[in-house]
């Protein structure tokens, strides 16, 4: 049984929410239910307080991806057969420093190495390894490492640890910080099924296409 389904856990969290205002604001935070809380606890605390959050950073991505279908505007119709929201498939890093191509029917697979401004923490590919340095004051690198290993079109392993870049106003709650990027402490170690993930993250891509997972 999942943690968010266990009676003792539900009763404990509910009691804390009802009796401890600090907990409800900082730890329960933006959670919409118990499962969402387990997936993303303490978002308010994490998004705003040092040392969990370093504000206004300049992140740079060092990314290796092995075998993925690159996004092409001419193939939007094909993407639509894999998703009700084909706009989730998109070009992420257009200027690799190294690239290798394999022909595949009417399309092709690509592997690439990119050194560029940060765009996303979890690009999709058969295998992806990324190191992000979020530069603070132009001289302090705040690290984040992520990795995806796709098992098949519907499932993948996902790892991530460190202070990952995040748009300061990603949720619309900080309009005064629009356009700024924070480095936020986070971690992931999970086995993901597309059907389950798409309920919480409808922009999650399907298969080996270029996009975010």
C-alpha atoms as a PDB file:
ATOM      1  CA  UNK A   1       0.000   0.000   0.000  1.00  0.00           C
ATOM      2  CA  UNK A   2       1.275   3.471  -0.865  1.00  0.00           C
ATOM      3  CA  UNK A   3       2.256   5.780   1.991  1.00  0.00           C
ATOM      4  CA  UNK A   4      -0.508   8.281   1.179  1.00  0.00           C
ATOM      5  CA  UNK A   5      -3.106   5.492   1.484  1.00  0.00           C
ATOM      6  CA  UNK A   6      -2.081   4.343   4.967  1.00  0.00           C
ATOM      7  CA  UNK A   7      -4.467   5.302   7.769  1.00  0.00           C
ATOM      8  CA  UNK A   8      -1.782   6.273  10.298  1.00  0.00           C
ATOM      9  CA  UNK A   9      -0.160   8.610   7.792  1.00  0.00           C
ATOM     10  CA  UNK A  10      -3.442  10.285   6.796  1.00  0.00           C
ATOM     11  CA  UNK A  11      -4.433  10.798  10.445  1.00  0.00           C
ATOM     12  CA  UNK A  12      -1.010  12.207  11.381  1.00  0.00           C
ATOM     13  CA  UNK A  13      -0.837  14.698   8.507  1.00  0.00           C
ATOM     14  CA  UNK A  14      -4.468  15.733   9.006  1.00  0.00           C
ATOM     15  CA  UNK A  15      -3.856  16.379  12.715  1.00  0.00           C
ATOM     16  CA  UNK A  16      -0.753  18.446  11.961  1.00  0.00           C
ATOM     17  CA  UNK A  17      -2.666  20.474   9.362  1.00  0.00           C
ATOM     18  CA  UNK A  18      -5.464  21.180  11.838  1.00  0.00           C
ATOM     19  CA  UNK A  19      -3.269  21.998  14.840  1.00  0.00           C
ATOM     20  CA  UNK A  20       0.005  23.507  13.603  1.00  0.00           C
ATOM     21  CA  UNK A  21      -0.325  26.574  11.331  1.00  0.00           C
ATOM     22  CA  UNK A  22       3.420  26.624  10.505  1.00  0.00           C
ATOM     23  CA  UNK A  23       3.219  23.021   9.281  1.00  0.00           C
ATOM     24  CA  UNK A  24       0.135  23.713   7.176  1.00  0.00           C
ATOM     25  CA  UNK A  25       1.725  26.747   5.500  1.00  0.00           C
ATOM     26  CA  UNK A  26       5.332  25.618   5.082  1.00  0.00           C
ATOM     27  CA  UNK A  27       5.137  21.796   4.863  1.00  0.00           C
ATOM     28  CA  UNK A  28       1.642  20.971   3.540  1.00  0.00           C
ATOM     29  CA  UNK A  29       1.881  24.124   1.449  1.00  0.00           C
ATOM     30  CA  UNK A  30       0.313  23.866  -2.018  1.00  0.00           C
ATOM     31  CA  UNK A  31      -0.629  20.171  -1.749  1.00  0.00           C
ATOM     32  CA  UNK A  32      -4.014  19.274  -3.228  1.00  0.00           C
ATOM     33  CA  UNK A  33      -4.275  15.821  -1.583  1.00  0.00           C
ATOM     34  CA  UNK A  34      -2.204  13.230   0.325  1.00  0.00           C
ATOM     35  CA  UNK A  35      -0.593  11.754  -2.780  1.00  0.00           C
ATOM     36  CA  UNK A  36       0.416  15.181  -4.036  1.00  0.00           C
ATOM     37  CA  UNK A  37       1.855  15.949  -0.587  1.00  0.00           C
ATOM     38  CA  UNK A  38       4.027  12.811  -0.635  1.00  0.00           C
ATOM     39  CA  UNK A  39       5.207  13.595  -4.160  1.00  0.00           C
ATOM     40  CA  UNK A  40       6.054  17.249  -3.413  1.00  0.00           C
ATOM     41  CA  UNK A  41       6.252  17.998   0.338  1.00  0.00           C
ATOM     42  CA  UNK A  42       7.252  21.337   1.857  1.00  0.00           C
ATOM     43  CA  UNK A  43       7.006  23.311  -1.396  1.00  0.00           C
ATOM     44  CA  UNK A  44       6.412  26.643   0.378  1.00  0.00           C
ATOM     45  CA  UNK A  45       9.493  26.162   2.583  1.00  0.00           C
ATOM     46  CA  UNK A  46      11.594  24.777  -0.251  1.00  0.00           C
ATOM     47  CA  UNK A  47      10.696  27.531  -2.721  1.00  0.00           C
ATOM     48  CA  UNK A  48      11.388  30.496  -0.472  1.00  0.00           C
ATOM     49  CA  UNK A  49      13.830  29.814   2.375  1.00  0.00           C
ATOM     50  CA  UNK A  50      17.643  29.515   2.433  1.00  0.00           C
ATOM     51  CA  UNK A  51      19.405  27.017   2.317  1.00  0.00           C
ATOM     52  CA  UNK A  52      16.624  25.165   0.494  1.00  0.00           C
ATOM     53  CA  UNK A  53      16.387  27.950  -2.086  1.00  0.00           C
ATOM     54  CA  UNK A  54      19.006  30.187  -3.722  1.00  0.00           C
ATOM     55  CA  UNK A  55      17.203  33.060  -5.398  1.00  0.00           C
ATOM     56  CA  UNK A  56      17.952  34.749  -8.719  1.00  0.00           C
ATOM     57  CA  UNK A  57      20.577  32.428 -10.230  1.00  0.00           C
ATOM     58  CA  UNK A  58      21.913  31.946 -13.770  1.00  0.00           C
ATOM     59  CA  UNK A  59      21.797  28.196 -14.578  1.00  0.00           C
ATOM     60  CA  UNK A  60      23.799  26.462 -17.313  1.00  0.00           C
ATOM     61  CA  UNK A  61      23.146  22.919 -18.507  1.00  0.00           C
ATOM     62  CA  UNK A  62      25.710  20.270 -19.484  1.00  0.00           C
ATOM     63  CA  UNK A  63      23.558  17.583 -21.086  1.00  0.00           C
ATOM     64  CA  UNK A  64      24.154  14.257 -22.827  1.00  0.00           C
ATOM     65  CA  UNK A  65      21.208  12.476 -24.484  1.00  0.00           C
ATOM     66  CA  UNK A  66      21.400   9.088 -26.196  1.00  0.00           C
ATOM     67  CA  UNK A  67      18.888   8.146 -28.919  1.00  0.00           C
ATOM     68  CA  UNK A  68      15.745  10.237 -29.106  1.00  0.00           C
ATOM     69  CA  UNK A  69      13.477  11.450 -31.894  1.00  0.00           C
ATOM     70  CA  UNK A  70      14.208  15.164 -32.338  1.00  0.00           C
ATOM     71  CA  UNK A  71      11.237  17.485 -32.612  1.00  0.00           C
ATOM     72  CA  UNK A  72      10.275  18.408 -36.196  1.00  0.00           C
ATOM     73  CA  UNK A  73       7.344  20.643 -37.111  1.00  0.00           C
ATOM     74  CA  UNK A  74       6.608  18.409 -40.113  1.00  0.00           C
ATOM     75  CA  UNK A  75       5.866  15.496 -37.763  1.00  0.00           C
ATOM     76  CA  UNK A  76       3.281  17.164 -35.510  1.00  0.00           C
ATOM     77  CA  UNK A  77       0.606  14.833 -36.908  1.00  0.00           C
ATOM     78  CA  UNK A  78       2.692  11.828 -35.879  1.00  0.00           C
ATOM     79  CA  UNK A  79       3.110  13.165 -32.334  1.00  0.00           C
ATOM     80  CA  UNK A  80      -0.673  13.565 -32.115  1.00  0.00           C
ATOM     81  CA  UNK A  81      -1.059   9.773 -32.438  1.00  0.00           C
ATOM     82  CA  UNK A  82       0.917   9.443 -29.188  1.00  0.00           C
ATOM     83  CA  UNK A  83      -0.709  12.210 -27.154  1.00  0.00           C
ATOM     84  CA  UNK A  84      -3.903  14.237 -26.885  1.00  0.00           C
ATOM     85  CA  UNK A  85      -1.611  17.220 -26.301  1.00  0.00           C
ATOM     86  CA  UNK A  86       1.058  17.155 -29.060  1.00  0.00           C
ATOM     87  CA  UNK A  87       2.311  20.591 -27.966  1.00  0.00           C
ATOM     88  CA  UNK A  88       4.154  18.742 -25.161  1.00  0.00           C
ATOM     89  CA  UNK A  89       6.654  17.618 -27.817  1.00  0.00           C
ATOM     90  CA  UNK A  90       9.061  20.469 -28.544  1.00  0.00           C
ATOM     91  CA  UNK A  91      12.646  21.355 -29.344  1.00  0.00           C
ATOM     92  CA  UNK A  92      14.565  21.753 -26.084  1.00  0.00           C
ATOM     93  CA  UNK A  93      18.208  22.507 -26.929  1.00  0.00           C
ATOM     94  CA  UNK A  94      18.586  23.516 -30.603  1.00  0.00           C
ATOM     95  CA  UNK A  95      22.380  24.009 -30.744  1.00  0.00           C
ATOM     96  CA  UNK A  96      24.346  20.904 -29.635  1.00  0.00           C
ATOM     97  CA  UNK A  97      28.129  20.984 -29.508  1.00  0.00           C
ATOM     98  CA  UNK A  98      28.118  17.348 -30.726  1.00  0.00           C
ATOM     99  CA  UNK A  99      25.464  15.297 -32.506  1.00  0.00           C
ATOM    100  CA  UNK A 100      25.152  11.824 -34.040  1.00  0.00           C
ATOM    101  CA  UNK A 101      22.272  10.718 -36.281  1.00  0.00           C
ATOM    102  CA  UNK A 102      20.780   7.277 -37.045  1.00  0.00           C
ATOM    103  CA  UNK A 103      18.239   6.836 -39.837  1.00  0.00           C
ATOM    104  CA  UNK A 104      14.901   5.305 -38.781  1.00  0.00           C
ATOM    105  CA  UNK A 105      12.123   4.819 -41.367  1.00  0.00           C
ATOM    106  CA  UNK A 106      10.929   8.314 -42.358  1.00  0.00           C
ATOM    107  CA  UNK A 107      12.629   9.903 -39.348  1.00  0.00           C
ATOM    108  CA  UNK A 108      15.870   9.537 -37.443  1.00  0.00           C
ATOM    109  CA  UNK A 109      17.266   9.055 -33.957  1.00  0.00           C
ATOM    110  CA  UNK A 110      19.726  11.557 -32.521  1.00  0.00           C
ATOM    111  CA  UNK A 111      22.302  11.534 -29.736  1.00  0.00           C
ATOM    112  CA  UNK A 112      23.719  14.855 -28.636  1.00  0.00           C
ATOM    113  CA  UNK A 113      25.869  16.787 -26.186  1.00  0.00           C
ATOM    114  CA  UNK A 114      24.728  20.289 -25.208  1.00  0.00           C
ATOM    115  CA  UNK A 115      26.315  23.106 -23.217  1.00  0.00           C
ATOM    116  CA  UNK A 116      23.785  25.907 -23.037  1.00  0.00           C
ATOM    117  CA  UNK A 117      21.458  27.926 -20.832  1.00  0.00           C
ATOM    118  CA  UNK A 118      19.197  25.714 -18.714  1.00  0.00           C
ATOM    119  CA  UNK A 119      15.800  24.854 -20.191  1.00  0.00           C
ATOM    120  CA  UNK A 120      14.536  21.770 -18.345  1.00  0.00           C
ATOM    121  CA  UNK A 121      15.717  19.440 -15.564  1.00  0.00           C
ATOM    122  CA  UNK A 122      14.450  16.226 -17.219  1.00  0.00           C
ATOM    123  CA  UNK A 123      14.688  16.021 -21.043  1.00  0.00           C
ATOM    124  CA  UNK A 124      13.381  12.801 -22.569  1.00  0.00           C
ATOM    125  CA  UNK A 125      15.621  10.255 -24.324  1.00  0.00           C
ATOM    126  CA  UNK A 126      16.528   6.574 -24.166  1.00  0.00           C
ATOM    127  CA  UNK A 127      19.259   7.710 -21.767  1.00  0.00           C
ATOM    128  CA  UNK A 128      19.854  11.215 -20.408  1.00  0.00           C
ATOM    129  CA  UNK A 129      22.510  12.520 -18.034  1.00  0.00           C
ATOM    130  CA  UNK A 130      22.604  16.192 -17.064  1.00  0.00           C
ATOM    131  CA  UNK A 131      24.680  18.385 -14.785  1.00  0.00           C
ATOM    132  CA  UNK A 132      23.386  21.895 -14.073  1.00  0.00           C
ATOM    133  CA  UNK A 133      25.469  24.633 -12.492  1.00  0.00           C
ATOM    134  CA  UNK A 134      23.280  27.481 -11.217  1.00  0.00           C
ATOM    135  CA  UNK A 135      25.672  30.404 -10.917  1.00  0.00           C
ATOM    136  CA  UNK A 136      25.132  32.777  -7.979  1.00  0.00           C
ATOM    137  CA  UNK A 137      26.963  36.132  -7.986  1.00  0.00           C
ATOM    138  CA  UNK A 138      28.619  34.907 -11.192  1.00  0.00           C
ATOM    139  CA  UNK A 139      31.167  32.793  -9.325  1.00  0.00           C
ATOM    140  CA  UNK A 140      29.404  30.244  -7.057  1.00  0.00           C
ATOM    141  CA  UNK A 141      28.137  27.107  -8.893  1.00  0.00           C
ATOM    142  CA  UNK A 142      25.108  25.508  -7.195  1.00  0.00           C
ATOM    143  CA  UNK A 143      24.929  21.882  -8.448  1.00  0.00           C
ATOM    144  CA  UNK A 144      22.142  19.646  -9.695  1.00  0.00           C
ATOM    145  CA  UNK A 145      22.449  16.218 -11.363  1.00  0.00           C
ATOM    146  CA  UNK A 146      19.657  14.368 -13.161  1.00  0.00           C
ATOM    147  CA  UNK A 147      19.287  11.168 -15.166  1.00  0.00           C
ATOM    148  CA  UNK A 148      16.517   9.369 -17.077  1.00  0.00           C
ATOM    149  CA  UNK A 149      16.629   5.785 -18.313  1.00  0.00           C
ATOM    150  CA  UNK A 150      13.690   4.918 -20.547  1.00  0.00           C
ATOM    151  CA  UNK A 151      12.677   1.241 -20.358  1.00  0.00           C
ATOM    152  CA  UNK A 152      10.054   1.427 -23.129  1.00  0.00           C
ATOM    153  CA  UNK A 153       7.572   3.925 -24.578  1.00  0.00           C
ATOM    154  CA  UNK A 154       5.462   3.931 -21.395  1.00  0.00           C
ATOM    155  CA  UNK A 155       7.931   3.640 -18.512  1.00  0.00           C
ATOM    156  CA  UNK A 156      11.219   5.115 -17.331  1.00  0.00           C
ATOM    157  CA  UNK A 157      13.483   5.495 -14.313  1.00  0.00           C
ATOM    158  CA  UNK A 158      14.133   9.046 -13.134  1.00  0.00           C
ATOM    159  CA  UNK A 159      16.842  10.353 -10.806  1.00  0.00           C
ATOM    160  CA  UNK A 160      17.711  13.862  -9.628  1.00  0.00           C
ATOM    161  CA  UNK A 161      19.515  15.474  -6.694  1.00  0.00           C
ATOM    162  CA  UNK A 162      20.779  18.903  -5.709  1.00  0.00           C
ATOM    163  CA  UNK A 163      19.427  22.413  -6.204  1.00  0.00           C
ATOM    164  CA  UNK A 164      17.484  22.345  -9.452  1.00  0.00           C
ATOM    165  CA  UNK A 165      16.614  25.505 -11.411  1.00  0.00           C
ATOM    166  CA  UNK A 166      12.996  26.609 -11.237  1.00  0.00           C
ATOM    167  CA  UNK A 167      11.206  29.686 -12.524  1.00  0.00           C
ATOM    168  CA  UNK A 168      10.485  31.845  -9.475  1.00  0.00           C
ATOM    169  CA  UNK A 169       6.907  32.496 -10.616  1.00  0.00           C
ATOM    170  CA  UNK A 170       6.185  28.992 -11.955  1.00  0.00           C
ATOM    171  CA  UNK A 171       2.925  28.812 -10.001  1.00  0.00           C
ATOM    172  CA  UNK A 172       1.804  32.432 -10.437  1.00  0.00           C
ATOM    173  CA  UNK A 173       2.214  33.137  -6.719  1.00  0.00           C
ATOM    174  CA  UNK A 174       5.264  35.428  -7.118  1.00  0.00           C
ATOM    175  CA  UNK A 175       4.500  37.882  -9.936  1.00  0.00           C
ATOM    176  CA  UNK A 176       7.111  40.314  -8.582  1.00  0.00           C
ATOM    177  CA  UNK A 177       9.775  37.707  -9.488  1.00  0.00           C
ATOM    178  CA  UNK A 178       8.568  37.058 -13.047  1.00  0.00           C
ATOM    179  CA  UNK A 179      11.496  36.115 -15.309  1.00  0.00           C
ATOM    180  CA  UNK A 180      13.834  35.207 -12.447  1.00  0.00           C
ATOM    181  CA  UNK A 181      15.159  31.695 -11.777  1.00  0.00           C
ATOM    182  CA  UNK A 182      15.795  30.110  -8.373  1.00  0.00           C
ATOM    183  CA  UNK A 183      17.860  27.032  -7.507  1.00  0.00           C
ATOM    184  CA  UNK A 184      15.641  24.875  -5.309  1.00  0.00           C
ATOM    185  CA  UNK A 185      16.634  21.800  -3.289  1.00  0.00           C
ATOM    186  CA  UNK A 186      14.968  18.706  -4.720  1.00  0.00           C
ATOM    187  CA  UNK A 187      15.453  15.006  -5.247  1.00  0.00           C
ATOM    188  CA  UNK A 188      13.886  12.198  -7.270  1.00  0.00           C
ATOM    189  CA  UNK A 189      14.407   8.461  -7.384  1.00  0.00           C
ATOM    190  CA  UNK A 190      11.448   6.741  -8.968  1.00  0.00           C
ATOM    191  CA  UNK A 191      10.031   4.345 -11.529  1.00  0.00           C
ATOM    192  CA  UNK A 192       7.451   6.178 -13.645  1.00  0.00           C
ATOM    193  CA  UNK A 193       4.465   4.853 -15.613  1.00  0.00           C
ATOM    194  CA  UNK A 194       3.118   7.257 -18.211  1.00  0.00           C
ATOM    195  CA  UNK A 195      -0.556   6.583 -17.370  1.00  0.00           C
ATOM    196  CA  UNK A 196      -0.026   7.477 -13.696  1.00  0.00           C
ATOM    197  CA  UNK A 197       2.275  10.444 -14.268  1.00  0.00           C
ATOM    198  CA  UNK A 198       0.056  12.068 -16.888  1.00  0.00           C
ATOM    199  CA  UNK A 199      -2.671  12.544 -14.230  1.00  0.00           C
ATOM    200  CA  UNK A 200      -0.413  14.967 -12.345  1.00  0.00           C
ATOM    201  CA  UNK A 201       1.781  16.074 -15.228  1.00  0.00           C
ATOM    202  CA  UNK A 202      -0.169  16.232 -18.522  1.00  0.00           C
ATOM    203  CA  UNK A 203       2.894  17.663 -20.281  1.00  0.00           C
ATOM    204  CA  UNK A 204       4.838  14.418 -19.709  1.00  0.00           C
ATOM    205  CA  UNK A 205       5.915  13.046 -23.101  1.00  0.00           C
ATOM    206  CA  UNK A 206       5.244   9.559 -24.409  1.00  0.00           C
ATOM    207  CA  UNK A 207       7.842   7.324 -26.048  1.00  0.00           C
ATOM    208  CA  UNK A 208      11.275   8.460 -27.201  1.00  0.00           C
ATOM    209  CA  UNK A 209      10.299  11.900 -28.520  1.00  0.00           C
ATOM    210  CA  UNK A 210      12.022  15.147 -27.614  1.00  0.00           C
ATOM    211  CA  UNK A 211      10.234  16.853 -24.713  1.00  0.00           C
ATOM    212  CA  UNK A 212      10.094  16.870 -20.907  1.00  0.00           C
ATOM    213  CA  UNK A 213       9.491  14.029 -18.458  1.00  0.00           C
END
